[in-house]
Every structure is written in structure tokens, then in C-alpha cells.
Amino acid sequence: MMKKYQCSICGYVYDPEVGDPENGVEPGTAFEDLPEDWTCPDCGAEKALFEEM
């Protein structure tokens, strides 16, 4: 099972099993494999502001 990551600003949880299809991220994409310019779909926070759960 892949690790989930939570946005420290708004609490959005990135679940790799779901991905972020609305923003072109396929299900099964590990957090580490997200593009560096990917941002939180809810608040726009950068990837560096996410914390492992």
C-alpha cells in the first residue's frame, strides 16, 4: 500500500490509489512521482507543504 500525504495548509489528503485525475494524475501515482510543479487541488499549496501520514 502506498503512503498518503496531507496538505499542511488545508488538510487535503493525496491518496496515490486515487491519484488526482482532474489534474492529469493517474490512479497509482506515488506522491514521490508527482511533477514538482504539482500543487494541492484544494488550496494551491506546493508539494513541499505536504506531510506523510
C-alpha atoms as a PDB file:
ATOM      1  CA  MET A   1       0.000   0.000   0.000  1.00  0.00           C
ATOM      2  CA  MET A   2       1.338   3.435  -0.929  1.00  0.00           C
ATOM      3  CA  LYS A   3       1.699   6.212   1.635  1.00  0.00           C
ATOM      4  CA  LYS A   4      -0.823   9.046   1.777  1.00  0.00           C
ATOM      5  CA  TYR A   5       0.240  12.659   2.177  1.00  0.00           C
ATOM      6  CA  GLN A   6      -1.713  15.525   3.747  1.00  0.00           C
ATOM      7  CA  CYS A   7      -1.584  19.220   2.874  1.00  0.00           C
ATOM      8  CA  SER A   8      -0.394  21.106   5.962  1.00  0.00           C
ATOM      9  CA  ILE A   9      -2.406  24.172   4.868  1.00  0.00           C
ATOM     10  CA  CYS A  10      -5.938  22.867   4.163  1.00  0.00           C
ATOM     11  CA  GLY A  11      -5.884  19.182   5.161  1.00  0.00           C
ATOM     12  CA  TYR A  12      -6.391  17.749   1.643  1.00  0.00           C
ATOM     13  CA  VAL A  13      -5.158  14.146   1.529  1.00  0.00           C
ATOM     14  CA  TYR A  14      -3.362  12.873  -1.572  1.00  0.00           C
ATOM     15  CA  ASP A  15      -4.168   9.176  -1.902  1.00  0.00           C
ATOM     16  CA  PRO A  16      -1.947   7.518  -4.541  1.00  0.00           C
ATOM     17  CA  GLU A  17      -4.565   4.830  -5.157  1.00  0.00           C
ATOM     18  CA  VAL A  18      -6.985   7.563  -6.290  1.00  0.00           C
ATOM     19  CA  GLY A  19      -4.476   9.971  -7.837  1.00  0.00           C
ATOM     20  CA  ASP A  20      -5.676  13.405  -8.943  1.00  0.00           C
ATOM     21  CA  PRO A  21      -7.484  12.654 -12.222  1.00  0.00           C
ATOM     22  CA  GLU A  22      -8.925  16.174 -12.527  1.00  0.00           C
ATOM     23  CA  ASN A  23      -5.348  17.448 -12.802  1.00  0.00           C
ATOM     24  CA  GLY A  24      -3.968  14.684 -15.020  1.00  0.00           C
ATOM     25  CA  VAL A  25      -2.540  12.426 -12.294  1.00  0.00           C
ATOM     26  CA  GLU A  26      -3.469   8.798 -12.901  1.00  0.00           C
ATOM     27  CA  PRO A  27      -4.517   6.476 -10.049  1.00  0.00           C
ATOM     28  CA  GLY A  28      -1.498   4.525  -8.803  1.00  0.00           C
ATOM     29  CA  THR A  29       0.868   7.534  -8.983  1.00  0.00           C
ATOM     30  CA  ALA A  30       3.100   7.665  -5.893  1.00  0.00           C
ATOM     31  CA  PHE A  31       3.471  11.062  -4.223  1.00  0.00           C
ATOM     32  CA  GLU A  32       7.201  10.989  -5.000  1.00  0.00           C
ATOM     33  CA  ASP A  33       6.361  10.622  -8.701  1.00  0.00           C
ATOM     34  CA  LEU A  34       4.114  13.688  -8.874  1.00  0.00           C
ATOM     35  CA  PRO A  35       5.554  16.504 -11.005  1.00  0.00           C
ATOM     36  CA  GLU A  36       7.497  19.086  -8.980  1.00  0.00           C
ATOM     37  CA  ASP A  37       5.042  21.763 -10.109  1.00  0.00           C
ATOM     38  CA  TRP A  38       2.001  19.805  -8.877  1.00  0.00           C
ATOM     39  CA  THR A  39       0.014  21.748  -6.275  1.00  0.00           C
ATOM     40  CA  CYS A  40      -2.793  20.960  -3.858  1.00  0.00           C
ATOM     41  CA  PRO A  41      -6.030  20.789  -5.864  1.00  0.00           C
ATOM     42  CA  ASP A  42      -7.956  22.418  -3.000  1.00  0.00           C
ATOM     43  CA  CYS A  43      -5.757  25.335  -1.909  1.00  0.00           C
ATOM     44  CA  GLY A  44      -2.847  25.509  -4.368  1.00  0.00           C
ATOM     45  CA  ALA A  45      -0.120  24.778  -1.788  1.00  0.00           C
ATOM     46  CA  GLU A  46       3.110  23.489  -3.268  1.00  0.00           C
ATOM     47  CA  LYS A  47       4.178  19.859  -2.964  1.00  0.00           C
ATOM     48  CA  ALA A  48       6.782  20.708  -0.269  1.00  0.00           C
ATOM     49  CA  LEU A  49       3.961  21.631   2.148  1.00  0.00           C
ATOM     50  CA  PHE A  50       2.594  18.073   2.233  1.00  0.00           C
ATOM     51  CA  GLU A  51       3.390  15.761   5.148  1.00  0.00           C
ATOM     52  CA  GLU A  52       3.484  11.982   5.166  1.00  0.00           C
ATOM     53  CA  MET A  53       0.612  10.441   7.098  1.00  0.00           C
END
